[in-house]
Amino acid sequence: MTSNTINRDLAPILRIDFPPTDRLGRGKIALLEHIRETGSISAAGRAMDMSYRRAWLLVDALNRMFDEPAVEPQRGGKQGGGAQLTAFGEELVARFRAMEERLEDALDDDLAWLNARRAPPS
């Protein structure tokens, strides 16, 4: 990846629309990463300052978007279970992050050009 020191504050945001209504973006991917780290949908939601219900609805939407689930429940244990990423979920995160990196690399020169021509902050 090329250096983005000059244009660090300008960043393209990757969002993929799945017509008619579904979207995949950095919020859902970040939720998956938090589920990976915490082993829990509720803990992942708290880490992102969202309710369990909101986190669960996003996971449900992700699982319905594809032909296999990204997150699956983890049964049992002292804590009563949790959640974990499936192999597909892990690959989804890795591929999305790789797409973000390629997008940044592809637009690096254009972002530097835009940044050099920005008006100074008021």
N, C-alpha and C. Protein backbone atom coordinates (compact mmCIF):
# COMPACT_ATOMS: atom_id res chain seq x y z
N MET A 1 0.84 -1.17 0.00
CA MET A 1 0.00 0.00 0.00
C MET A 1 0.88 1.23 0.00
N THR A 2 0.45 2.23 -0.74
CA THR A 2 1.22 3.47 -0.79
C THR A 2 0.96 4.29 0.46
N SER A 3 1.84 5.21 0.74
CA SER A 3 1.72 6.02 1.95
C SER A 3 0.61 7.04 1.81
N ASN A 4 -0.25 7.12 2.80
CA ASN A 4 -1.36 8.07 2.79
C ASN A 4 -1.15 9.17 3.81
N THR A 5 0.10 9.59 4.03
CA THR A 5 0.35 10.57 5.08
C THR A 5 -0.25 11.93 4.75
N ILE A 6 -0.19 12.34 3.50
CA ILE A 6 -0.71 13.64 3.11
C ILE A 6 -2.23 13.66 3.16
N ASN A 7 -2.87 12.61 2.68
CA ASN A 7 -4.33 12.63 2.54
C ASN A 7 -5.02 11.72 3.54
N ARG A 8 -4.44 11.53 4.69
CA ARG A 8 -5.02 10.63 5.69
C ARG A 8 -6.44 11.04 6.07
N ASP A 9 -6.73 12.34 6.09
CA ASP A 9 -8.06 12.78 6.52
C ASP A 9 -9.11 12.63 5.41
N LEU A 10 -8.70 12.37 4.19
CA LEU A 10 -9.64 12.07 3.11
C LEU A 10 -9.65 10.56 2.94
N ALA A 11 -10.81 9.97 3.05
CA ALA A 11 -10.87 8.52 2.97
C ALA A 11 -12.11 8.08 2.20
N PRO A 12 -11.92 7.22 1.21
CA PRO A 12 -13.09 6.66 0.55
C PRO A 12 -13.76 5.66 1.49
N ILE A 13 -15.06 5.57 1.43
CA ILE A 13 -15.82 4.65 2.26
C ILE A 13 -16.45 3.60 1.35
N LEU A 14 -16.11 2.35 1.58
CA LEU A 14 -16.64 1.26 0.78
C LEU A 14 -17.98 0.81 1.34
N ARG A 15 -18.98 0.84 0.50
CA ARG A 15 -20.29 0.28 0.84
C ARG A 15 -20.79 -0.43 -0.40
N ILE A 16 -21.23 -1.65 -0.21
CA ILE A 16 -21.72 -2.45 -1.34
C ILE A 16 -23.22 -2.62 -1.17
N ASP A 17 -23.97 -2.18 -2.16
CA ASP A 17 -25.43 -2.33 -2.14
C ASP A 17 -25.81 -3.66 -2.77
N PHE A 18 -26.68 -4.37 -2.08
CA PHE A 18 -27.25 -5.62 -2.56
C PHE A 18 -28.73 -5.34 -2.83
N PRO A 19 -29.06 -4.99 -4.08
CA PRO A 19 -30.46 -4.66 -4.36
C PRO A 19 -31.40 -5.81 -3.97
N PRO A 20 -32.59 -5.52 -3.47
CA PRO A 20 -33.16 -4.19 -3.45
C PRO A 20 -32.85 -3.38 -2.19
N THR A 21 -32.54 -4.00 -1.04
CA THR A 21 -32.44 -3.19 0.18
C THR A 21 -31.23 -3.47 1.06
N ASP A 22 -30.50 -4.53 0.83
CA ASP A 22 -29.39 -4.87 1.73
C ASP A 22 -28.14 -4.09 1.38
N ARG A 23 -27.31 -3.88 2.43
CA ARG A 23 -26.03 -3.17 2.25
C ARG A 23 -24.97 -3.86 3.09
N LEU A 24 -23.76 -3.82 2.58
CA LEU A 24 -22.61 -4.31 3.33
C LEU A 24 -21.61 -3.18 3.40
N GLY A 25 -21.26 -2.79 4.63
CA GLY A 25 -20.30 -1.70 4.82
C GLY A 25 -19.45 -1.92 6.04
N ARG A 26 -18.71 -0.88 6.39
CA ARG A 26 -17.74 -1.02 7.47
C ARG A 26 -18.37 -1.24 8.83
N GLY A 27 -19.61 -0.81 9.04
CA GLY A 27 -20.27 -1.04 10.32
C GLY A 27 -20.54 -2.51 10.57
N LYS A 28 -21.10 -3.19 9.58
CA LYS A 28 -21.37 -4.62 9.74
C LYS A 28 -20.07 -5.41 9.84
N ILE A 29 -19.07 -5.01 9.08
CA ILE A 29 -17.79 -5.70 9.16
C ILE A 29 -17.15 -5.49 10.53
N ALA A 30 -17.23 -4.27 11.07
CA ALA A 30 -16.70 -4.00 12.41
C ALA A 30 -17.44 -4.84 13.45
N LEU A 31 -18.75 -4.99 13.29
CA LEU A 31 -19.52 -5.83 14.21
C LEU A 31 -19.01 -7.27 14.17
N LEU A 32 -18.77 -7.78 12.98
CA LEU A 32 -18.21 -9.14 12.86
C LEU A 32 -16.86 -9.24 13.56
N GLU A 33 -16.02 -8.23 13.40
CA GLU A 33 -14.71 -8.25 14.05
C GLU A 33 -14.85 -8.25 15.57
N HIS A 34 -15.81 -7.49 16.09
CA HIS A 34 -16.04 -7.47 17.54
C HIS A 34 -16.60 -8.81 18.02
N ILE A 35 -17.45 -9.44 17.24
CA ILE A 35 -17.95 -10.77 17.60
C ILE A 35 -16.78 -11.75 17.66
N ARG A 36 -15.88 -11.65 16.69
CA ARG A 36 -14.69 -12.51 16.70
C ARG A 36 -13.89 -12.32 17.99
N GLU A 37 -13.70 -11.06 18.37
CA GLU A 37 -12.89 -10.73 19.55
C GLU A 37 -13.56 -11.11 20.86
N THR A 38 -14.89 -10.92 20.94
CA THR A 38 -15.58 -11.10 22.21
C THR A 38 -16.29 -12.43 22.35
N GLY A 39 -16.61 -13.08 21.23
CA GLY A 39 -17.37 -14.32 21.27
C GLY A 39 -18.83 -14.10 21.65
N SER A 40 -19.33 -12.88 21.44
CA SER A 40 -20.67 -12.55 21.89
C SER A 40 -21.26 -11.42 21.05
N ILE A 41 -22.52 -11.59 20.66
CA ILE A 41 -23.21 -10.52 19.94
C ILE A 41 -23.47 -9.34 20.87
N SER A 42 -23.87 -9.64 22.11
CA SER A 42 -24.17 -8.54 23.03
C SER A 42 -22.92 -7.76 23.39
N ALA A 43 -21.80 -8.44 23.64
CA ALA A 43 -20.54 -7.74 23.95
C ALA A 43 -20.06 -6.95 22.73
N ALA A 44 -20.23 -7.51 21.55
CA ALA A 44 -19.84 -6.79 20.33
C ALA A 44 -20.68 -5.53 20.17
N GLY A 45 -21.98 -5.64 20.44
CA GLY A 45 -22.85 -4.48 20.38
C GLY A 45 -22.44 -3.41 21.38
N ARG A 46 -22.14 -3.84 22.62
CA ARG A 46 -21.71 -2.87 23.64
C ARG A 46 -20.43 -2.17 23.21
N ALA A 47 -19.50 -2.92 22.60
CA ALA A 47 -18.24 -2.33 22.15
C ALA A 47 -18.47 -1.26 21.09
N MET A 48 -19.59 -1.37 20.39
CA MET A 48 -19.91 -0.40 19.34
C MET A 48 -21.00 0.57 19.79
N ASP A 49 -21.32 0.55 21.07
CA ASP A 49 -22.33 1.44 21.65
C ASP A 49 -23.69 1.26 20.99
N MET A 50 -24.09 -0.01 20.80
CA MET A 50 -25.42 -0.29 20.26
C MET A 50 -26.09 -1.35 21.12
N SER A 51 -27.39 -1.40 21.06
CA SER A 51 -28.15 -2.36 21.85
C SER A 51 -27.93 -3.77 21.32
N TYR A 52 -28.22 -4.73 22.18
CA TYR A 52 -28.15 -6.12 21.75
C TYR A 52 -29.11 -6.34 20.58
N ARG A 53 -30.30 -5.78 20.69
CA ARG A 53 -31.30 -5.97 19.62
C ARG A 53 -30.78 -5.46 18.28
N ARG A 54 -30.18 -4.28 18.27
CA ARG A 54 -29.64 -3.71 17.03
C ARG A 54 -28.53 -4.61 16.48
N ALA A 55 -27.64 -5.05 17.37
CA ALA A 55 -26.55 -5.93 16.93
C ALA A 55 -27.11 -7.24 16.38
N TRP A 56 -28.11 -7.80 17.08
CA TRP A 56 -28.70 -9.06 16.62
C TRP A 56 -29.37 -8.88 15.26
N LEU A 57 -30.07 -7.75 15.06
CA LEU A 57 -30.72 -7.50 13.78
C LEU A 57 -29.71 -7.38 12.65
N LEU A 58 -28.57 -6.75 12.92
CA LEU A 58 -27.52 -6.64 11.90
C LEU A 58 -26.92 -8.00 11.57
N VAL A 59 -26.71 -8.82 12.59
CA VAL A 59 -26.19 -10.18 12.36
C VAL A 59 -27.21 -10.98 11.56
N ASP A 60 -28.47 -10.87 11.92
CA ASP A 60 -29.52 -11.58 11.19
C ASP A 60 -29.55 -11.14 9.72
N ALA A 61 -29.43 -9.84 9.49
CA ALA A 61 -29.40 -9.33 8.12
C ALA A 61 -28.21 -9.88 7.35
N LEU A 62 -27.05 -9.90 8.01
CA LEU A 62 -25.85 -10.47 7.36
C LEU A 62 -26.07 -11.93 7.01
N ASN A 63 -26.61 -12.68 7.94
CA ASN A 63 -26.81 -14.11 7.71
C ASN A 63 -27.82 -14.37 6.59
N ARG A 64 -28.77 -13.47 6.38
CA ARG A 64 -29.75 -13.63 5.31
C ARG A 64 -29.24 -13.14 3.96
N MET A 65 -28.20 -12.31 3.96
CA MET A 65 -27.69 -11.74 2.70
C MET A 65 -26.97 -12.76 1.83
N PHE A 66 -26.46 -13.79 2.45
CA PHE A 66 -25.61 -14.73 1.74
C PHE A 66 -26.18 -16.14 1.81
N ASP A 67 -25.61 -17.03 1.02
CA ASP A 67 -26.11 -18.40 0.99
C ASP A 67 -25.58 -19.26 2.14
N GLU A 68 -24.77 -18.67 3.00
CA GLU A 68 -24.34 -19.34 4.23
C GLU A 68 -24.14 -18.28 5.30
N PRO A 69 -24.30 -18.67 6.57
CA PRO A 69 -24.22 -17.68 7.64
C PRO A 69 -22.79 -17.18 7.89
N ALA A 70 -22.71 -15.94 8.34
CA ALA A 70 -21.42 -15.35 8.73
C ALA A 70 -21.17 -15.55 10.22
N VAL A 71 -22.25 -15.68 11.00
CA VAL A 71 -22.17 -15.84 12.45
C VAL A 71 -23.05 -17.03 12.83
N GLU A 72 -22.56 -17.81 13.78
CA GLU A 72 -23.37 -18.91 14.28
C GLU A 72 -23.33 -18.91 15.81
N PRO A 73 -24.42 -19.39 16.41
CA PRO A 73 -24.44 -19.44 17.87
C PRO A 73 -23.45 -20.49 18.38
N GLN A 74 -22.94 -20.23 19.56
CA GLN A 74 -22.02 -21.15 20.22
C GLN A 74 -22.77 -21.64 21.45
N ARG A 75 -22.98 -22.92 21.55
CA ARG A 75 -23.83 -23.48 22.60
C ARG A 75 -23.06 -23.76 23.88
N GLY A 76 -23.79 -23.69 24.98
CA GLY A 76 -23.32 -24.20 26.26
C GLY A 76 -22.24 -23.40 26.94
N GLY A 77 -21.61 -24.05 27.90
CA GLY A 77 -20.56 -23.43 28.68
C GLY A 77 -21.11 -22.70 29.88
N LYS A 78 -20.23 -22.30 30.76
CA LYS A 78 -20.62 -21.60 31.99
C LYS A 78 -21.38 -20.32 31.70
N GLN A 79 -20.98 -19.62 30.66
CA GLN A 79 -21.59 -18.33 30.34
C GLN A 79 -22.86 -18.48 29.50
N GLY A 80 -23.26 -19.70 29.17
CA GLY A 80 -24.49 -19.91 28.43
C GLY A 80 -24.38 -19.72 26.93
N GLY A 81 -23.21 -19.88 26.37
CA GLY A 81 -23.05 -19.79 24.92
C GLY A 81 -22.49 -18.46 24.47
N GLY A 82 -22.73 -18.14 23.24
CA GLY A 82 -22.21 -16.92 22.66
C GLY A 82 -22.38 -17.00 21.17
N ALA A 83 -21.44 -16.45 20.45
CA ALA A 83 -21.49 -16.47 18.99
C ALA A 83 -20.07 -16.49 18.45
N GLN A 84 -19.93 -17.02 17.27
CA GLN A 84 -18.62 -17.04 16.62
C GLN A 84 -18.80 -16.88 15.12
N LEU A 85 -17.75 -16.38 14.48
CA LEU A 85 -17.77 -16.27 13.03
C LEU A 85 -17.60 -17.65 12.42
N THR A 86 -18.30 -17.88 11.34
CA THR A 86 -18.10 -19.10 10.56
C THR A 86 -16.87 -18.90 9.68
N ALA A 87 -16.44 -19.94 9.00
CA ALA A 87 -15.34 -19.80 8.05
C ALA A 87 -15.72 -18.77 6.98
N PHE A 88 -16.98 -18.79 6.55
CA PHE A 88 -17.44 -17.79 5.59
C PHE A 88 -17.35 -16.39 6.18
N GLY A 89 -17.76 -16.21 7.43
CA GLY A 89 -17.69 -14.90 8.09
C GLY A 89 -16.26 -14.38 8.15
N GLU A 90 -15.34 -15.26 8.47
CA GLU A 90 -13.91 -14.88 8.51
C GLU A 90 -13.45 -14.42 7.14
N GLU A 91 -13.83 -15.18 6.10
CA GLU A 91 -13.42 -14.80 4.75
C GLU A 91 -14.09 -13.50 4.30
N LEU A 92 -15.34 -13.30 4.70
CA LEU A 92 -16.05 -12.07 4.37
C LEU A 92 -15.31 -10.86 4.95
N VAL A 93 -14.91 -10.95 6.21
CA VAL A 93 -14.17 -9.85 6.84
C VAL A 93 -12.85 -9.61 6.10
N ALA A 94 -12.11 -10.68 5.85
CA ALA A 94 -10.81 -10.55 5.19
C ALA A 94 -10.96 -9.94 3.79
N ARG A 95 -11.93 -10.40 3.04
CA ARG A 95 -12.12 -9.88 1.68
C ARG A 95 -12.57 -8.42 1.69
N PHE A 96 -13.47 -8.06 2.61
CA PHE A 96 -13.93 -6.68 2.69
C PHE A 96 -12.76 -5.75 3.03
N ARG A 97 -11.95 -6.14 4.02
CA ARG A 97 -10.80 -5.31 4.40
C ARG A 97 -9.80 -5.21 3.25
N ALA A 98 -9.62 -6.27 2.49
CA ALA A 98 -8.72 -6.24 1.33
C ALA A 98 -9.28 -5.32 0.24
N MET A 99 -10.61 -5.33 0.05
CA MET A 99 -11.23 -4.42 -0.92
C MET A 99 -11.04 -2.97 -0.50
N GLU A 100 -11.17 -2.69 0.80
CA GLU A 100 -10.94 -1.33 1.29
C GLU A 100 -9.51 -0.88 0.99
N GLU A 101 -8.57 -1.77 1.22
CA GLU A 101 -7.17 -1.44 0.97
C GLU A 101 -6.92 -1.15 -0.51
N ARG A 102 -7.49 -1.99 -1.38
CA ARG A 102 -7.32 -1.77 -2.82
C ARG A 102 -7.98 -0.47 -3.25
N LEU A 103 -9.12 -0.15 -2.67
CA LEU A 103 -9.80 1.10 -2.99
C LEU A 103 -8.93 2.30 -2.60
N GLU A 104 -8.37 2.27 -1.41
CA GLU A 104 -7.49 3.35 -0.96
C GLU A 104 -6.27 3.48 -1.87
N ASP A 105 -5.67 2.35 -2.22
CA ASP A 105 -4.50 2.37 -3.10
C ASP A 105 -4.86 2.94 -4.47
N ALA A 106 -6.00 2.53 -5.01
CA ALA A 106 -6.41 2.99 -6.33
C ALA A 106 -6.69 4.49 -6.36
N LEU A 107 -7.17 5.03 -5.26
CA LEU A 107 -7.56 6.44 -5.22
C LEU A 107 -6.52 7.33 -4.57
N ASP A 108 -5.40 6.79 -4.17
CA ASP A 108 -4.39 7.54 -3.42
C ASP A 108 -3.97 8.83 -4.11
N ASP A 109 -3.63 8.77 -5.38
CA ASP A 109 -3.19 9.98 -6.11
C ASP A 109 -4.31 11.00 -6.21
N ASP A 110 -5.54 10.53 -6.48
CA ASP A 110 -6.67 11.45 -6.59
C ASP A 110 -6.99 12.09 -5.24
N LEU A 111 -6.91 11.34 -4.17
CA LEU A 111 -7.15 11.90 -2.85
C LEU A 111 -6.08 12.93 -2.49
N ALA A 112 -4.83 12.66 -2.86
CA ALA A 112 -3.75 13.62 -2.61
C ALA A 112 -4.02 14.90 -3.39
N TRP A 113 -4.48 14.77 -4.63
CA TRP A 113 -4.80 15.93 -5.45
C TRP A 113 -5.92 16.75 -4.81
N LEU A 114 -6.99 16.07 -4.38
CA LEU A 114 -8.10 16.76 -3.72
C LEU A 114 -7.64 17.45 -2.44
N ASN A 115 -6.84 16.74 -1.66
CA ASN A 115 -6.37 17.28 -0.39
C ASN A 115 -5.52 18.53 -0.61
N ALA A 116 -4.70 18.54 -1.64
CA ALA A 116 -3.82 19.68 -1.93
C ALA A 116 -4.64 20.91 -2.35
N ARG A 117 -5.86 20.70 -2.80
CA ARG A 117 -6.68 21.80 -3.29
C ARG A 117 -7.82 22.16 -2.34
N ARG A 118 -7.81 21.60 -1.16
CA ARG A 118 -8.84 21.91 -0.18
C ARG A 118 -8.68 23.31 0.36
N ALA A 119 -9.79 23.95 0.62
CA ALA A 119 -9.76 25.25 1.28
C ALA A 119 -9.33 25.05 2.72
N PRO A 120 -8.61 26.00 3.28
CA PRO A 120 -8.21 25.86 4.67
C PRO A 120 -9.45 25.86 5.58
N PRO A 121 -9.36 25.19 6.73
CA PRO A 121 -10.51 25.15 7.65
C PRO A 121 -10.87 26.55 8.10
N SER A 122 -12.13 26.79 8.27
CA SER A 122 -12.61 28.13 8.70
C SER A 122 -12.34 28.34 10.17
